[in-house]
């Protein structure tokens, strides 16, 4: 996969994780109690962990890219 393709894939996955967080948060806001709350909270937690991993991947990629720019040709 090309460099720009890898970046686009990471961005796509990050957007998906963030969409899950937003959607679930909106659902909880309309029904703050009940049996579904625990399930929704776990969905938010899982999405947040996915987002954290994607950000870590972006960070590693940025560091690798920065190292490549400083290497002599």
PDB file of N, CA and C in Angstrom:
ATOM      1  N   UNK A   1       0.839  -1.162   0.000  1.00  0.00           N
ATOM      2  CA  UNK A   1       0.000   0.000   0.000  1.00  0.00           C
ATOM      3  C   UNK A   1       0.895   1.239   0.000  1.00  0.00           C
ATOM      4  N   UNK A   2       0.489   2.219  -0.779  1.00  0.00           N
ATOM      5  CA  UNK A   2       1.273   3.449  -0.842  1.00  0.00           C
ATOM      6  C   UNK A   2       1.137   4.232   0.460  1.00  0.00           C
ATOM      7  N   UNK A   3       2.033   5.176   0.629  1.00  0.00           N
ATOM      8  CA  UNK A   3       2.021   6.022   1.827  1.00  0.00           C
ATOM      9  C   UNK A   3       0.697   6.766   1.963  1.00  0.00           C
ATOM     10  N   UNK A   4       0.244   7.373   0.886  1.00  0.00           N
ATOM     11  CA  UNK A   4      -1.020   8.117   0.956  1.00  0.00           C
ATOM     12  C   UNK A   4      -2.201   7.174   1.144  1.00  0.00           C
ATOM     13  N   UNK A   5      -2.107   5.973   0.592  1.00  0.00           N
ATOM     14  CA  UNK A   5      -3.161   4.987   0.793  1.00  0.00           C
ATOM     15  C   UNK A   5      -3.250   4.546   2.238  1.00  0.00           C
ATOM     16  N   UNK A   6      -2.101   4.382   2.881  1.00  0.00           N
ATOM     17  CA  UNK A   6      -2.073   3.999   4.294  1.00  0.00           C
ATOM     18  C   UNK A   6      -2.679   5.096   5.152  1.00  0.00           C
ATOM     19  N   UNK A   7      -2.351   6.328   4.853  1.00  0.00           N
ATOM     20  CA  UNK A   7      -2.908   7.450   5.608  1.00  0.00           C
ATOM     21  C   UNK A   7      -4.425   7.508   5.428  1.00  0.00           C
ATOM     22  N   UNK A   8      -4.884   7.347   4.197  1.00  0.00           N
ATOM     23  CA  UNK A   8      -6.336   7.375   3.945  1.00  0.00           C
ATOM     24  C   UNK A   8      -7.051   6.257   4.696  1.00  0.00           C
ATOM     25  N   UNK A   9      -6.449   5.066   4.763  1.00  0.00           N
ATOM     26  CA  UNK A   9      -7.058   3.944   5.478  1.00  0.00           C
ATOM     27  C   UNK A   9      -7.148   4.245   6.971  1.00  0.00           C
ATOM     28  N   UNK A  10      -6.098   4.798   7.547  1.00  0.00           N
ATOM     29  CA  UNK A  10      -6.108   5.140   8.972  1.00  0.00           C
ATOM     30  C   UNK A  10      -7.164   6.208   9.243  1.00  0.00           C
ATOM     31  N   UNK A  11      -7.245   7.207   8.403  1.00  0.00           N
ATOM     32  CA  UNK A  11      -8.247   8.257   8.570  1.00  0.00           C
ATOM     33  C   UNK A  11      -9.651   7.668   8.493  1.00  0.00           C
ATOM     34  N   UNK A  12      -9.876   6.787   7.554  1.00  0.00           N
ATOM     35  CA  UNK A  12     -11.178   6.136   7.404  1.00  0.00           C
ATOM     36  C   UNK A  12     -11.545   5.363   8.674  1.00  0.00           C
ATOM     37  N   UNK A  13     -10.608   4.582   9.193  1.00  0.00           N
ATOM     38  CA  UNK A  13     -10.870   3.804  10.403  1.00  0.00           C
ATOM     39  C   UNK A  13     -11.109   4.709  11.602  1.00  0.00           C
ATOM     40  N   UNK A  14     -10.371   5.797  11.699  1.00  0.00           N
ATOM     41  CA  UNK A  14     -10.553   6.737  12.799  1.00  0.00           C
ATOM     42  C   UNK A  14     -11.931   7.390  12.711  1.00  0.00           C
ATOM     43  N   UNK A  15     -12.333   7.768  11.520  1.00  0.00           N
ATOM     44  CA  UNK A  15     -13.667   8.342  11.350  1.00  0.00           C
ATOM     45  C   UNK A  15     -14.758   7.350  11.745  1.00  0.00           C
ATOM     46  N   UNK A  16     -14.583   6.082  11.413  1.00  0.00           N
ATOM     47  CA  UNK A  16     -15.562   5.065  11.809  1.00  0.00           C
ATOM     48  C   UNK A  16     -15.649   4.946  13.326  1.00  0.00           C
ATOM     49  N   UNK A  17     -14.506   4.923  13.994  1.00  0.00           N
ATOM     50  CA  UNK A  17     -14.496   4.828  15.457  1.00  0.00           C
ATOM     51  C   UNK A  17     -15.177   6.042  16.074  1.00  0.00           C
ATOM     52  N   UNK A  18     -14.884   7.212  15.555  1.00  0.00           N
ATOM     53  CA  UNK A  18     -15.482   8.426  16.091  1.00  0.00           C
ATOM     54  C   UNK A  18     -16.987   8.476  15.825  1.00  0.00           C
ATOM     55  N   UNK A  19     -17.423   7.967  14.704  1.00  0.00           N
ATOM     56  CA  UNK A  19     -18.856   7.923  14.411  1.00  0.00           C
ATOM     57  C   UNK A  19     -19.580   7.014  15.401  1.00  0.00           C
ATOM     58  N   UNK A  20     -18.962   5.890  15.747  1.00  0.00           N
ATOM     59  CA  UNK A  20     -19.559   5.004  16.745  1.00  0.00           C
ATOM     60  C   UNK A  20     -19.667   5.697  18.090  1.00  0.00           C
ATOM     61  N   UNK A  21     -18.642   6.425  18.489  1.00  0.00           N
ATOM     62  CA  UNK A  21     -18.660   7.146  19.762  1.00  0.00           C
ATOM     63  C   UNK A  21     -19.797   8.170  19.765  1.00  0.00           C
ATOM     64  N   UNK A  22     -19.886   8.958  18.727  1.00  0.00           N
ATOM     65  CA  UNK A  22     -20.899  10.003  18.646  1.00  0.00           C
ATOM     66  C   UNK A  22     -22.310   9.415  18.651  1.00  0.00           C
ATOM     67  N   UNK A  23     -22.547   8.398  17.840  1.00  0.00           N
ATOM     68  CA  UNK A  23     -23.865   7.784  17.762  1.00  0.00           C
ATOM     69  C   UNK A  23     -24.298   7.204  19.096  1.00  0.00           C
ATOM     70  N   UNK A  24     -23.410   6.495  19.740  1.00  0.00           N
ATOM     71  CA  UNK A  24     -23.744   5.887  21.029  1.00  0.00           C
ATOM     72  C   UNK A  24     -23.978   6.946  22.091  1.00  0.00           C
ATOM     73  N   UNK A  25     -23.167   7.970  22.099  1.00  0.00           N
ATOM     74  CA  UNK A  25     -23.356   9.055  23.064  1.00  0.00           C
ATOM     75  C   UNK A  25     -24.709   9.727  22.863  1.00  0.00           C
ATOM     76  N   UNK A  26     -25.106   9.911  21.626  1.00  0.00           N
ATOM     77  CA  UNK A  26     -26.417  10.510  21.350  1.00  0.00           C
ATOM     78  C   UNK A  26     -27.543   9.611  21.844  1.00  0.00           C
ATOM     79  N   UNK A  27     -27.397   8.304  21.679  1.00  0.00           N
ATOM     80  CA  UNK A  27     -28.410   7.367  22.172  1.00  0.00           C
ATOM     81  C   UNK A  27     -28.510   7.411  23.694  1.00  0.00           C
ATOM     82  N   UNK A  28     -27.385   7.433  24.367  1.00  0.00           N
ATOM     83  CA  UNK A  28     -27.386   7.498  25.824  1.00  0.00           C
ATOM     84  C   UNK A  28     -28.024   8.802  26.298  1.00  0.00           C
ATOM     85  N   UNK A  29     -27.768   9.874  25.586  1.00  0.00           N
ATOM     86  CA  UNK A  29     -28.319  11.173  25.977  1.00  0.00           C
ATOM     87  C   UNK A  29     -29.852  11.173  25.934  1.00  0.00           C
ATOM     88  N   UNK A  30     -30.441  10.384  25.058  1.00  0.00           N
ATOM     89  CA  UNK A  30     -31.899  10.338  24.961  1.00  0.00           C
ATOM     90  C   UNK A  30     -32.515   9.354  25.954  1.00  0.00           C
ATOM     91  N   UNK A  31     -31.725   8.425  26.510  1.00  0.00           N
ATOM     92  CA  UNK A  31     -32.216   7.439  27.478  1.00  0.00           C
ATOM     93  C   UNK A  31     -31.118   7.166  28.495  1.00  0.00           C
ATOM     94  N   UNK A  32     -30.957   8.060  29.495  1.00  0.00           N
ATOM     95  CA  UNK A  32     -29.827   7.955  30.410  1.00  0.00           C
ATOM     96  C   UNK A  32     -29.867   6.780  31.381  1.00  0.00           C
ATOM     97  N   UNK A  33     -30.917   6.001  31.416  1.00  0.00           N
ATOM     98  CA  UNK A  33     -30.993   4.868  32.341  1.00  0.00           C
ATOM     99  C   UNK A  33     -31.481   3.625  31.625  1.00  0.00           C
ATOM    100  N   UNK A  34     -31.666   2.580  32.370  1.00  0.00           N
ATOM    101  CA  UNK A  34     -32.210   1.365  31.799  1.00  0.00           C
ATOM    102  C   UNK A  34     -31.148   0.336  31.501  1.00  0.00           C
ATOM    103  N   UNK A  35     -31.613  -0.824  31.073  1.00  0.00           N
ATOM    104  CA  UNK A  35     -30.713  -1.960  30.827  1.00  0.00           C
ATOM    105  C   UNK A  35     -29.747  -1.713  29.680  1.00  0.00           C
ATOM    106  N   UNK A  36     -30.168  -0.944  28.723  1.00  0.00           N
ATOM    107  CA  UNK A  36     -29.327  -0.713  27.547  1.00  0.00           C
ATOM    108  C   UNK A  36     -28.116   0.149  27.872  1.00  0.00           C
ATOM    109  N   UNK A  37     -28.160   0.894  28.956  1.00  0.00           N
ATOM    110  CA  UNK A  37     -27.086   1.826  29.287  1.00  0.00           C
ATOM    111  C   UNK A  37     -25.734   1.128  29.410  1.00  0.00           C
ATOM    112  N   UNK A  38     -25.692  -0.024  30.078  1.00  0.00           N
ATOM    113  CA  UNK A  38     -24.424  -0.741  30.227  1.00  0.00           C
ATOM    114  C   UNK A  38     -23.885  -1.201  28.879  1.00  0.00           C
ATOM    115  N   UNK A  39     -24.760  -1.666  28.023  1.00  0.00           N
ATOM    116  CA  UNK A  39     -24.340  -2.103  26.685  1.00  0.00           C
ATOM    117  C   UNK A  39     -23.808  -0.910  25.896  1.00  0.00           C
ATOM    118  N   UNK A  40     -24.521   0.206  25.965  1.00  0.00           N
ATOM    119  CA  UNK A  40     -24.086   1.410  25.250  1.00  0.00           C
ATOM    120  C   UNK A  40     -22.754   1.925  25.786  1.00  0.00           C
ATOM    121  N   UNK A  41     -22.610   1.891  27.107  1.00  0.00           N
ATOM    122  CA  UNK A  41     -21.358   2.351  27.712  1.00  0.00           C
ATOM    123  C   UNK A  41     -20.188   1.488  27.252  1.00  0.00           C
ATOM    124  N   UNK A  42     -20.389   0.189  27.148  1.00  0.00           N
ATOM    125  CA  UNK A  42     -19.321  -0.698  26.672  1.00  0.00           C
ATOM    126  C   UNK A  42     -18.986  -0.409  25.208  1.00  0.00           C
ATOM    127  N   UNK A  43     -19.983  -0.074  24.423  1.00  0.00           N
ATOM    128  CA  UNK A  43     -19.741   0.284  23.026  1.00  0.00           C
ATOM    129  C   UNK A  43     -18.903   1.558  22.929  1.00  0.00           C
ATOM    130  N   UNK A  44     -19.202   2.531  23.793  1.00  0.00           N
ATOM    131  CA  UNK A  44     -18.410   3.763  23.820  1.00  0.00           C
ATOM    132  C   UNK A  44     -16.974   3.443  24.211  1.00  0.00           C
ATOM    133  N   UNK A  45     -16.817   2.607  25.228  1.00  0.00           N
ATOM    134  CA  UNK A  45     -15.485   2.238  25.689  1.00  0.00           C
ATOM    135  C   UNK A  45     -14.681   1.574  24.575  1.00  0.00           C
ATOM    136  N   UNK A  46     -15.289   0.618  23.884  1.00  0.00           N
ATOM    137  CA  UNK A  46     -14.598  -0.099  22.805  1.00  0.00           C
ATOM    138  C   UNK A  46     -14.219   0.861  21.671  1.00  0.00           C
ATOM    139  N   UNK A  47     -15.130   1.774  21.332  1.00  0.00           N
ATOM    140  CA  UNK A  47     -14.842   2.727  20.268  1.00  0.00           C
ATOM    141  C   UNK A  47     -13.714   3.672  20.666  1.00  0.00           C
ATOM    142  N   UNK A  48     -13.716   4.083  21.922  1.00  0.00           N
ATOM    143  CA  UNK A  48     -12.652   4.970  22.386  1.00  0.00           C
ATOM    144  C   UNK A  48     -11.300   4.261  22.347  1.00  0.00           C
ATOM    145  N   UNK A  49     -11.278   2.989  22.729  1.00  0.00           N
ATOM    146  CA  UNK A  49     -10.025   2.228  22.666  1.00  0.00           C
ATOM    147  C   UNK A  49      -9.559   2.067  21.221  1.00  0.00           C
ATOM    148  N   UNK A  50     -10.492   1.835  20.310  1.00  0.00           N
ATOM    149  CA  UNK A  50     -10.143   1.768  18.884  1.00  0.00           C
ATOM    150  C   UNK A  50      -9.535   3.088  18.430  1.00  0.00           C
ATOM    151  N   UNK A  51     -10.161   4.196  18.820  1.00  0.00           N
ATOM    152  CA  UNK A  51      -9.647   5.514  18.457  1.00  0.00           C
ATOM    153  C   UNK A  51      -8.263   5.758  19.019  1.00  0.00           C
ATOM    154  N   UNK A  52      -8.052   5.327  20.259  1.00  0.00           N
ATOM    155  CA  UNK A  52      -6.739   5.500  20.878  1.00  0.00           C
ATOM    156  C   UNK A  52      -5.675   4.717  20.106  1.00  0.00           C
ATOM    157  N   UNK A  53      -5.983   3.518  19.694  1.00  0.00           N
ATOM    158  CA  UNK A  53      -5.020   2.709  18.939  1.00  0.00           C
ATOM    159  C   UNK A  53      -4.730   3.344  17.577  1.00  0.00           C
ATOM    160  N   UNK A  54      -5.747   3.864  16.928  1.00  0.00           N
ATOM    161  CA  UNK A  54      -5.532   4.514  15.636  1.00  0.00           C
ATOM    162  C   UNK A  54      -4.660   5.756  15.780  1.00  0.00           C
ATOM    163  N   UNK A  55      -4.882   6.516  16.832  1.00  0.00           N
ATOM    164  CA  UNK A  55      -4.040   7.693  17.068  1.00  0.00           C
ATOM    165  C   UNK A  55      -2.597   7.260  17.316  1.00  0.00           C
ATOM    166  N   UNK A  56      -2.408   6.167  18.067  1.00  0.00           N
ATOM    167  CA  UNK A  56      -1.053   5.658  18.307  1.00  0.00           C
ATOM    168  C   UNK A  56      -0.402   5.236  16.996  1.00  0.00           C
ATOM    169  N   UNK A  57      -1.179   4.617  16.114  1.00  0.00           N
ATOM    170  CA  UNK A  57      -0.637   4.232  14.805  1.00  0.00           C
ATOM    171  C   UNK A  57      -0.225   5.462  14.003  1.00  0.00           C
ATOM    172  N   UNK A  58      -1.066   6.500  14.019  1.00  0.00           N
ATOM    173  CA  UNK A  58      -0.720   7.737  13.319  1.00  0.00           C
ATOM    174  C   UNK A  58       0.552   8.344  13.890  1.00  0.00           C
ATOM    175  N   UNK A  59       0.673   8.302  15.190  1.00  0.00           N
ATOM    176  CA  UNK A  59       1.856   8.850  15.843  1.00  0.00           C
ATOM    177  C   UNK A  59       3.109   8.092  15.417  1.00  0.00           C
ATOM    178  N   UNK A  60       3.039   6.759  15.442  1.00  0.00           N
ATOM    179  CA  UNK A  60       4.195   5.948  15.020  1.00  0.00           C
ATOM    180  C   UNK A  60       4.539   6.247  13.564  1.00  0.00           C
ATOM    181  N   UNK A  61       3.520   6.362  12.723  1.00  0.00           N
ATOM    182  CA  UNK A  61       3.747   6.634  11.312  1.00  0.00           C
ATOM    183  C   UNK A  61       4.413   7.996  11.126  1.00  0.00           C
ATOM    184  N   UNK A  62       3.926   8.992  11.862  1.00  0.00           N
ATOM    185  CA  UNK A  62       4.503  10.334  11.745  1.00  0.00           C
ATOM    186  C   UNK A  62       5.963  10.330  12.179  1.00  0.00           C
ATOM    187  N   UNK A  63       6.269   9.591  13.246  1.00  0.00           N
ATOM    188  CA  UNK A  63       7.652   9.517  13.704  1.00  0.00           C
ATOM    189  C   UNK A  63       8.540   8.825  12.677  1.00  0.00           C
ATOM    190  N   UNK A  64       8.039   7.757  12.075  1.00  0.00           N
ATOM    191  CA  UNK A  64       8.810   7.052  11.037  1.00  0.00           C
ATOM    192  C   UNK A  64       9.047   7.965   9.843  1.00  0.00           C
ATOM    193  N   UNK A  65       7.996   8.706   9.440  1.00  0.00           N
ATOM    194  CA  UNK A  65       8.100   9.611   8.313  1.00  0.00           C
ATOM    195  C   UNK A  65       9.127  10.712   8.615  1.00  0.00           C
ATOM    196  N   UNK A  66       9.095  11.218   9.840  1.00  0.00           N
ATOM    197  CA  UNK A  66      10.039  12.254  10.247  1.00  0.00           C
ATOM    198  C   UNK A  66      11.469  11.719  10.197  1.00  0.00           C
ATOM    199  N   UNK A  67      11.661  10.485  10.667  1.00  0.00           N
ATOM    200  CA  UNK A  67      12.995   9.871  10.624  1.00  0.00           C
ATOM    201  C   UNK A  67      13.475   9.726   9.184  1.00  0.00           C
ATOM    202  N   UNK A  68      12.575   9.355   8.268  1.00  0.00           N
ATOM    203  CA  UNK A  68      12.937   9.189   6.871  1.00  0.00           C
ATOM    204  C   UNK A  68      13.409  10.504   6.266  1.00  0.00           C
ATOM    205  N   UNK A  69      12.794  11.610   6.676  1.00  0.00           N
ATOM    206  CA  UNK A  69      13.154  12.920   6.132  1.00  0.00           C
ATOM    207  C   UNK A  69      14.550  13.345   6.576  1.00  0.00           C
ATOM    208  N   UNK A  70      15.019  12.825   7.702  1.00  0.00           N
ATOM    209  CA  UNK A  70      16.326  13.225   8.231  1.00  0.00           C
ATOM    210  C   UNK A  70      17.458  12.264   7.838  1.00  0.00           C
ATOM    211  N   UNK A  71      17.113  11.188   7.145  1.00  0.00           N
ATOM    212  CA  UNK A  71      18.149  10.251   6.705  1.00  0.00           C
ATOM    213  C   UNK A  71      18.838  10.796   5.449  1.00  0.00           C
ATOM    214  N   UNK A  72      20.158  10.630   5.362  1.00  0.00           N
ATOM    215  CA  UNK A  72      20.843  11.074   4.138  1.00  0.00           C
ATOM    216  C   UNK A  72      20.474  10.180   2.971  1.00  0.00           C
ATOM    217  N   UNK A  73      20.465  10.761   1.809  1.00  0.00           N
ATOM    218  CA  UNK A  73      20.117  10.014   0.592  1.00  0.00           C
ATOM    219  C   UNK A  73      21.219   9.099   0.146  1.00  0.00           C
TER     220      UNK A  73
END
